Protein backbone atom coordinates (compact mmCIF):
# COMPACT_ATOMS: atom_id res chain seq x y z
CA UNK A 1 -77.75 36.73 2.27
CA UNK A 2 -78.36 39.61 -0.14
CA UNK A 3 -79.50 38.33 -3.59
CA UNK A 4 -76.99 38.80 -6.38
CA UNK A 5 -77.22 41.76 -8.74
CA UNK A 6 -77.64 39.27 -11.61
CA UNK A 7 -80.75 37.81 -9.93
CA UNK A 8 -82.19 41.25 -9.22
CA UNK A 9 -81.46 42.41 -12.76
CA UNK A 10 -83.28 39.40 -14.19
CA UNK A 11 -86.24 40.08 -11.90
CA UNK A 12 -86.42 43.74 -12.94
CA UNK A 13 -86.24 42.65 -16.59
CA UNK A 14 -89.13 40.25 -16.04
CA UNK A 15 -91.20 43.01 -14.44
CA UNK A 16 -90.51 45.29 -17.38
CA UNK A 17 -91.44 42.77 -20.06
CA UNK A 18 -94.91 41.65 -18.99
CA UNK A 19 -97.86 42.44 -21.27
CA UNK A 20 -100.68 43.89 -19.21
CA UNK A 21 -104.42 44.38 -19.66
CA UNK A 22 -105.68 47.94 -19.86
CA UNK A 23 -107.19 49.63 -16.83
CA UNK A 24 -110.61 51.27 -17.21
CA UNK A 25 -110.47 54.97 -18.02
CA UNK A 26 -112.19 55.93 -14.76
CA UNK A 27 -111.47 54.25 -11.42
CA UNK A 28 -114.37 52.28 -9.95
CA UNK A 29 -114.74 53.67 -6.43
CA UNK A 30 -115.37 51.34 -3.51
CA UNK A 31 -115.24 51.81 0.23
CA UNK A 32 -112.12 49.98 1.45
CA UNK A 33 -111.61 50.63 5.14
CA UNK A 34 -108.52 48.43 5.63
CA UNK A 35 -105.21 48.65 3.77
CA UNK A 36 -105.95 47.45 0.23
CA UNK A 37 -104.50 44.15 -0.92
CA UNK A 38 -101.47 44.81 -3.16
CA UNK A 39 -101.95 41.39 -4.76
CA UNK A 40 -105.63 41.61 -5.73
CA UNK A 41 -106.48 42.64 -9.25
CA UNK A 42 -108.21 45.95 -9.83
CA UNK A 43 -110.97 46.05 -10.88
CA UNK A 44 -111.76 42.83 -9.02
CA UNK A 45 -111.14 39.62 -10.96
CA UNK A 46 -111.06 35.97 -10.03
CA UNK A 47 -107.88 35.00 -8.24
CA UNK A 48 -104.93 37.10 -7.13
CA UNK A 49 -101.48 37.89 -8.43
CA UNK A 50 -99.57 34.61 -8.47
CA UNK A 51 -96.45 35.15 -10.61
CA UNK A 52 -93.73 37.72 -11.20
CA UNK A 53 -95.33 38.53 -14.56
CA UNK A 54 -98.68 39.03 -12.83
CA UNK A 55 -97.03 41.38 -10.36
CA UNK A 56 -95.49 43.40 -13.20
CA UNK A 57 -99.01 44.05 -14.50
CA UNK A 58 -100.37 44.79 -11.05
CA UNK A 59 -97.44 47.14 -10.43
CA UNK A 60 -98.19 48.99 -13.68
CA UNK A 61 -101.83 49.34 -12.66
CA UNK A 62 -100.91 50.72 -9.23
CA UNK A 63 -98.51 53.22 -10.80
CA UNK A 64 -101.24 54.34 -13.21
CA UNK A 65 -103.83 54.73 -10.43
CA UNK A 66 -101.41 56.78 -8.34
CA UNK A 67 -100.81 59.11 -11.28
CA UNK A 68 -104.51 59.39 -12.14
CA UNK A 69 -105.81 59.95 -8.63
CA UNK A 70 -103.01 61.48 -6.56
CA UNK A 71 -99.70 62.47 -8.16
CA UNK A 72 -100.39 63.52 -11.73
CA UNK A 73 -98.66 62.23 -14.84
CA UNK A 74 -94.91 61.74 -15.06
CA UNK A 75 -93.92 62.60 -18.65
CA UNK A 76 -91.56 60.37 -20.63
CA UNK A 77 -87.96 61.29 -21.38
CA UNK A 78 -87.84 64.69 -23.11
CA UNK A 79 -86.99 64.66 -26.82
CA UNK A 80 -83.57 66.15 -26.05
CA UNK A 81 -81.40 66.03 -22.91
CA UNK A 82 -77.92 67.55 -22.90
CA UNK A 83 -75.40 68.05 -20.12
CA UNK A 84 -72.11 69.87 -19.63
CA UNK A 85 -69.69 69.46 -16.74
CA UNK A 86 -67.70 72.34 -15.32
CA UNK A 87 -65.66 71.42 -12.29
CA UNK A 88 -68.15 69.91 -9.85
CA UNK A 89 -71.23 71.45 -11.48
CA UNK A 90 -73.30 69.49 -13.99
CA UNK A 91 -75.62 71.70 -16.10
CA UNK A 92 -78.60 69.84 -17.52
CA UNK A 93 -80.78 71.09 -20.37
CA UNK A 94 -84.06 69.38 -21.28
CA UNK A 95 -85.96 70.32 -24.43
CA UNK A 96 -89.46 69.47 -25.64
CA UNK A 97 -91.68 70.95 -28.35
CA UNK A 98 -89.42 73.93 -28.97
CA UNK A 99 -89.00 74.80 -25.28
CA UNK A 100 -85.91 74.28 -23.11
CA UNK A 101 -85.13 74.49 -19.41
CA UNK A 102 -81.74 74.24 -17.66
CA UNK A 103 -80.81 73.38 -14.09
CA UNK A 104 -77.50 72.76 -12.30
CA UNK A 105 -76.58 70.08 -9.80
CA UNK A 106 -73.58 70.19 -7.51
CA UNK A 107 -71.46 67.04 -7.12
CA UNK A 108 -69.37 66.43 -4.00
CA UNK A 109 -66.78 63.75 -4.59
CA UNK A 110 -65.49 61.53 -1.77
CA UNK A 111 -61.82 61.72 -0.74
CA UNK A 112 -61.55 57.94 -1.00
CA UNK A 113 -62.95 55.20 -3.22
CA UNK A 114 -62.66 54.44 -6.89
CA UNK A 115 -64.29 55.91 -9.96
CA UNK A 116 -66.96 55.88 -11.17
CA UNK A 117 -68.39 56.65 -7.74
CA UNK A 118 -71.76 55.50 -6.43
CA UNK A 119 -73.77 58.55 -5.45
CA UNK A 120 -76.65 59.73 -3.31
CA UNK A 121 -78.95 62.30 -4.90
CA UNK A 122 -80.22 64.62 -2.17
CA UNK A 123 -83.28 66.83 -2.35
CA UNK A 124 -82.22 69.99 -0.54
CA UNK A 125 -79.60 69.75 2.18
CA UNK A 126 -78.25 66.27 2.89
CA UNK A 127 -79.07 65.27 6.47
CA UNK A 128 -77.71 61.71 6.50
CA UNK A 129 -74.12 60.64 7.29
CA UNK A 130 -72.47 59.15 4.22
CA UNK A 131 -69.81 56.42 4.33
CA UNK A 132 -66.48 56.79 2.56
CA UNK A 133 -66.44 56.19 -1.16
CA UNK A 134 -69.88 57.66 -1.94
CA UNK A 135 -70.44 60.93 -3.83
CA UNK A 136 -73.38 63.24 -3.18
CA UNK A 137 -75.39 65.17 -5.76
CA UNK A 138 -77.45 68.13 -4.54
CA UNK A 139 -80.64 68.28 -6.58
CA UNK A 140 -82.58 71.60 -6.85
CA UNK A 141 -86.08 70.17 -6.56
CA UNK A 142 -87.55 73.56 -5.60
CA UNK A 143 -86.45 74.91 -8.99
CA UNK A 144 -88.11 72.01 -10.81
CA UNK A 145 -91.44 72.57 -9.00
CA UNK A 146 -91.99 75.24 -6.38
CA UNK A 147 -93.27 74.17 -2.94
CA UNK A 148 -93.95 77.37 -1.01
CA UNK A 149 -97.70 76.83 -0.50
CA UNK A 150 -100.76 76.05 -2.62
CA UNK A 151 -100.04 79.09 -4.79
CA UNK A 152 -96.95 77.20 -6.05
CA UNK A 153 -99.05 75.03 -8.32
CA UNK A 154 -97.87 75.24 -11.91
CA UNK A 155 -94.66 77.11 -11.04
CA UNK A 156 -91.14 75.92 -11.76
CA UNK A 157 -88.99 74.64 -14.61
CA UNK A 158 -91.15 71.56 -15.14
CA UNK A 159 -94.19 73.74 -15.83
CA UNK A 160 -92.16 76.14 -17.99
CA UNK A 161 -91.56 73.11 -20.22
CA UNK A 162 -94.94 71.33 -20.02
CA UNK A 163 -97.36 74.13 -19.14
CA UNK A 164 -98.76 75.47 -15.88
CA UNK A 165 -101.92 73.37 -16.27
CA UNK A 166 -100.06 70.05 -16.37
CA UNK A 167 -101.60 67.45 -14.03
CA UNK A 168 -98.34 66.78 -12.19
CA UNK A 169 -98.00 67.85 -8.59
CA UNK A 170 -94.58 68.80 -7.31
CA UNK A 171 -93.64 65.28 -6.11
CA UNK A 172 -93.99 63.65 -9.53
CA UNK A 173 -92.46 66.71 -11.26
CA UNK A 174 -89.36 66.27 -9.08
CA UNK A 175 -89.25 62.58 -10.03
CA UNK A 176 -89.24 63.64 -13.68
CA UNK A 177 -86.30 65.93 -12.93
CA UNK A 178 -84.39 63.07 -11.31
CA UNK A 179 -84.96 60.94 -14.40
CA UNK A 180 -83.56 63.73 -16.58
CA UNK A 181 -80.56 64.01 -14.25
CA UNK A 182 -79.87 60.27 -14.54
CA UNK A 183 -80.13 60.54 -18.34
CA UNK A 184 -77.45 63.21 -18.10
CA UNK A 185 -75.19 61.15 -15.84
CA UNK A 186 -75.44 58.25 -18.27
CA UNK A 187 -74.29 60.48 -21.13
CA UNK A 188 -71.52 62.25 -19.20
CA UNK A 189 -68.90 59.71 -18.13
CA UNK A 190 -66.50 62.55 -17.29
CA UNK A 191 -68.71 63.23 -14.24
CA UNK A 192 -67.25 59.99 -12.79
CA UNK A 193 -70.60 58.93 -11.31
CA UNK A 194 -71.86 55.35 -11.67
CA UNK A 195 -75.49 55.65 -12.84
CA UNK A 196 -76.15 52.01 -11.90
CA UNK A 197 -75.43 52.70 -8.22
CA UNK A 198 -77.56 55.69 -7.29
CA UNK A 199 -79.56 56.40 -4.15
CA UNK A 200 -82.03 59.18 -3.45
CA UNK A 201 -82.90 60.86 -0.18
CA UNK A 202 -84.61 63.86 1.34
CA UNK A 203 -86.13 64.76 4.69
CA UNK A 204 -89.67 65.74 5.64
CA UNK A 205 -91.40 67.19 2.55
CA UNK A 206 -88.33 66.27 0.51
CA UNK A 207 -88.56 62.76 1.95
CA UNK A 208 -92.01 62.47 0.39
CA UNK A 209 -90.39 63.39 -2.91
CA UNK A 210 -87.58 60.87 -2.47
CA UNK A 211 -90.08 58.04 -1.97
CA UNK A 212 -92.03 59.03 -5.09
CA UNK A 213 -88.83 59.31 -7.15
CA UNK A 214 -87.73 55.85 -6.00
CA UNK A 215 -91.12 54.44 -6.94
CA UNK A 216 -91.21 55.97 -10.43
CA UNK A 217 -87.54 55.89 -11.50
CA UNK A 218 -86.35 52.28 -11.91
CA UNK A 219 -82.68 53.26 -12.20
CA UNK A 220 -82.52 54.29 -8.53
CA UNK A 221 -80.88 51.41 -6.68
CA UNK A 222 -81.60 52.59 -3.13
CA UNK A 223 -84.36 54.87 -1.82
CA UNK A 224 -83.83 56.56 1.57
CA UNK A 225 -86.83 58.70 2.60
CA UNK A 226 -86.16 60.38 5.96
CA UNK A 227 -89.03 61.41 8.24
CA UNK A 228 -91.30 61.70 5.20
CA UNK A 229 -94.54 61.51 7.20
CA UNK A 230 -97.98 61.75 5.64
CA UNK A 231 -97.76 61.75 1.86
CA UNK A 232 -94.58 59.67 2.15
CA UNK A 233 -94.12 56.63 4.39
CA UNK A 234 -97.53 57.10 6.04
CA UNK A 235 -100.66 55.42 4.68
CA UNK A 236 -103.62 57.77 4.24
CA UNK A 237 -106.07 55.46 6.04
CA UNK A 238 -103.76 55.02 9.00
CA UNK A 239 -103.19 58.78 9.29
CA UNK A 240 -106.94 59.39 9.53
CA UNK A 241 -107.16 56.73 12.24
CA UNK A 242 -104.15 57.97 14.20
CA UNK A 243 -105.41 61.54 14.07
CA UNK A 244 -108.95 60.60 15.09
CA UNK A 245 -110.18 64.10 14.29
CA UNK A 246 -107.76 65.73 16.74
CA UNK A 247 -105.75 67.65 14.17
CA UNK A 248 -102.51 66.37 15.69
CA UNK A 249 -101.53 64.18 12.72
CA UNK A 250 -101.38 65.42 9.16
CA UNK A 251 -104.14 63.89 7.05
CA UNK A 252 -105.00 63.90 3.35
CA UNK A 253 -107.67 66.55 3.85
CA UNK A 254 -105.15 68.85 5.52
CA UNK A 255 -102.14 68.22 3.30
CA UNK A 256 -103.83 69.52 0.15
CA UNK A 257 -104.37 72.85 1.90
CA UNK A 258 -100.66 73.18 2.70
CA UNK A 259 -98.86 72.82 -0.59
CA UNK A 260 -98.96 71.78 -4.25
CA UNK A 261 -97.26 68.42 -3.77
CA UNK A 262 -100.14 66.44 -5.27
CA UNK A 263 -102.28 66.66 -8.37
CA UNK A 264 -105.41 68.76 -7.99
CA UNK A 265 -107.34 65.56 -8.83
CA UNK A 266 -106.41 64.21 -5.40
CA UNK A 267 -108.68 66.75 -3.70
CA UNK A 268 -111.71 64.69 -4.78
CA UNK A 269 -110.65 61.85 -2.45
CA UNK A 270 -109.11 63.51 0.57
CA UNK A 271 -112.32 63.59 2.63
CA UNK A 272 -112.85 59.86 2.09
CA UNK A 273 -109.52 58.16 1.52
CA UNK A 274 -111.28 54.77 1.78
CA UNK A 275 -112.32 55.32 -1.84
CA UNK A 276 -108.71 55.07 -2.97
CA UNK A 277 -108.00 51.60 -4.44
CA UNK A 278 -104.43 51.83 -3.09
CA UNK A 279 -102.52 53.33 -0.18
CA UNK A 280 -98.89 54.24 0.40
CA UNK A 281 -97.78 50.72 1.28
CA UNK A 282 -98.43 50.12 -2.41
CA UNK A 283 -96.59 53.27 -3.47
CA UNK A 284 -93.56 51.99 -1.56
CA UNK A 285 -94.08 48.55 -3.09
CA UNK A 286 -93.45 49.98 -6.58
CA UNK A 287 -89.77 50.15 -5.59
CA UNK A 288 -89.46 46.36 -5.21
CA UNK A 289 -87.24 44.47 -5.95
CA UNK A 290 -84.88 47.45 -5.62
CA UNK A 291 -83.82 48.54 -2.12
CA UNK A 292 -85.75 50.81 0.25
CA UNK A 293 -84.95 51.91 3.80
CA UNK A 294 -87.62 54.13 5.38
CA UNK A 295 -86.12 56.24 8.18
CA UNK A 296 -88.69 57.63 10.63
CA UNK A 297 -88.93 59.47 13.98
CA UNK A 298 -91.38 58.81 16.81
CA UNK A 299 -90.88 62.30 18.24
CA UNK A 300 -93.21 64.23 15.93
CA UNK A 301 -96.87 63.26 16.16
CA UNK A 302 -97.61 65.39 13.08
CA UNK A 303 -95.52 62.93 11.03
CA UNK A 304 -97.77 60.02 12.04
CA UNK A 305 -95.13 57.65 13.47
CA UNK A 306 -97.67 54.91 14.28
CA UNK A 307 -99.06 55.20 10.76
CA UNK A 308 -95.60 55.09 9.21
CA UNK A 309 -94.66 51.98 11.17
CA UNK A 310 -97.80 50.15 10.11
CA UNK A 311 -97.62 51.33 6.51
CA UNK A 312 -94.02 50.24 6.01
CA UNK A 313 -94.66 46.88 7.67
CA UNK A 314 -97.46 46.32 5.16
CA UNK A 315 -95.26 47.49 2.28
CA UNK A 316 -92.63 44.88 3.11
CA UNK A 317 -95.08 42.22 1.92
CA UNK A 318 -94.26 43.06 -1.70
CA UNK A 319 -90.56 42.30 -1.22
CA UNK A 320 -91.51 39.13 0.69
CA UNK A 321 -93.66 37.94 -2.22
CA UNK A 322 -90.68 38.37 -4.56
CA UNK A 323 -88.32 36.58 -2.18
CA UNK A 324 -86.15 39.67 -1.58
CA UNK A 325 -87.45 40.89 1.78
CA UNK A 326 -83.92 41.76 2.92
CA UNK A 327 -83.93 44.59 0.39
CA UNK A 328 -86.66 46.46 2.28
CA UNK A 329 -86.18 47.93 5.74
CA UNK A 330 -87.88 50.39 8.05
CA UNK A 331 -86.39 52.08 11.09
CA UNK A 332 -88.45 54.09 13.59
CA UNK A 333 -86.24 55.99 16.05
CA UNK A 334 -86.88 57.31 19.51
CA UNK A 335 -87.50 61.07 19.85
CA UNK A 336 -84.92 63.46 18.35
CA UNK A 337 -84.83 66.75 16.50
CA UNK A 338 -86.54 66.74 13.12
CA UNK A 339 -84.21 66.03 10.19
CA UNK A 340 -81.23 65.25 12.35
CA UNK A 341 -79.92 61.70 12.26
CA UNK A 342 -79.62 59.79 15.55
CA UNK A 343 -76.82 57.39 16.32
CA UNK A 344 -79.23 54.52 17.08
CA UNK A 345 -80.20 54.32 13.37
CA UNK A 346 -76.60 54.49 12.14
CA UNK A 347 -76.09 50.77 11.62
CA UNK A 348 -79.42 50.49 9.79
CA UNK A 349 -78.35 53.14 7.29
CA UNK A 350 -74.77 52.00 6.84
CA UNK A 351 -75.64 48.38 6.08
CA UNK A 352 -78.05 49.44 3.32
CA UNK A 353 -75.54 51.83 1.74
CA UNK A 354 -72.73 49.28 1.96
CA UNK A 355 -74.90 46.56 0.43
CA UNK A 356 -76.81 48.38 -2.28
CA UNK A 357 -74.49 51.24 -3.26
CA UNK A 358 -71.02 49.92 -2.45
CA UNK A 359 -71.78 46.32 -3.43
CA UNK A 360 -70.53 44.61 -0.28
CA UNK A 361 -71.88 41.07 -0.04
CA UNK A 362 -72.87 38.87 2.85
CA UNK A 363 -74.18 41.65 5.12
CA UNK A 364 -77.32 41.24 7.21
CA UNK A 365 -79.77 43.75 5.78
CA UNK A 366 -82.78 42.60 7.76
CA UNK A 367 -83.89 45.91 9.28
CA UNK A 368 -87.30 45.97 11.02
CA UNK A 369 -86.61 48.39 13.83
CA UNK A 370 -89.15 49.88 16.23
CA UNK A 371 -86.77 51.48 18.73
CA UNK A 372 -89.44 53.20 20.88
CA UNK A 373 -91.54 50.02 21.05
CA UNK A 374 -94.57 51.63 19.44
CA UNK A 375 -97.35 49.05 19.20
CA UNK A 376 -99.02 48.43 15.85
CA UNK A 377 -101.46 45.56 15.38
CA UNK A 378 -101.14 44.62 11.72
CA UNK A 379 -104.02 42.13 11.95
CA UNK A 380 -106.42 45.02 12.52
CA UNK A 381 -105.51 46.58 9.16
CA UNK A 382 -104.31 43.75 6.92
CA UNK A 383 -106.78 41.01 5.97
CA UNK A 384 -104.76 39.52 3.13
CA UNK A 385 -101.90 37.05 3.07
CA UNK A 386 -98.61 37.29 1.17
CA UNK A 387 -98.35 35.05 -1.89
CA UNK A 388 -95.10 33.49 -3.05
CA UNK A 389 -94.83 34.70 -6.65
CA UNK A 390 -93.56 32.15 -9.17
CA UNK A 391 -91.11 33.07 -11.92
């Protein structure tokens, strides 16, 4: 049975209220060849995370490390956010230190359902089928931070506001833009969108962004990364192993030569990802106890399907520790065209949208699907157990 919204709300509140020790200014690098333990303190201390309050501190540390070493800093809410609605277009203006930027989002309202509508925020073109009663919001992430190639660094509305030398890569800059959008939805009830029932999605490179936004914006109820590959649902260590030097799977050392998705600080670690005190199972774990469904495709070796399967299996441990494992699912499909949505994953998607956007209760949201039967031996990569965290 899906836990009640009251229970989840109380759990999120507990996570937000914990008082946490301060991390050291510079990460202490170690060589960690397996997937790091999400529940071990960093730097190493006696014992492991054992309570929800402990996890809140550990979660804060992981989020900080990700920003320091990989993503760049996500700024707080700008000093001023204003929005105006004209028809189905919401214009958002964010201002900070005498500078302002404006972007528009397009809202598509469903023909059925009741207001205010739950909504899915889509980076780029929406490539998922949406059930009745759910609105869609097309988010212009390329305007917030350009993603043409590595020359895109420092270009876009985010950098117009905060400076071209800001540490943020495109993925965390987009997450900032989503936060500003949600601020605007909260202050514009005439938009008829329910800001407490929002999902976010994107495919491929935009799927990487959707996962990061879900991890760093706690008001997103459901995160739906689609075929996000390396830099998204794939763990860096697993990608290196799956590739094996063949160049057939995208790795950290390659991805930083393709685009400006990550902070320039990440380049110091891409040739030895074992130095990272985290991996992307822990990025995904930042979303817990909110809902996540990772949608992946075995048909593109470049996306690291074996790595994605193993990474998301490991990520599910965080939801298990909190007693809400049915709020995290992963679905690896058989081969199909990139960024199309196959029928075999339809039920997986619908049950998550019905449960976590439309509020239908009593549905079975246990989704651990490996449709092609791709083998992944978790015991070869995970040497830690899953604690039951006390309240």
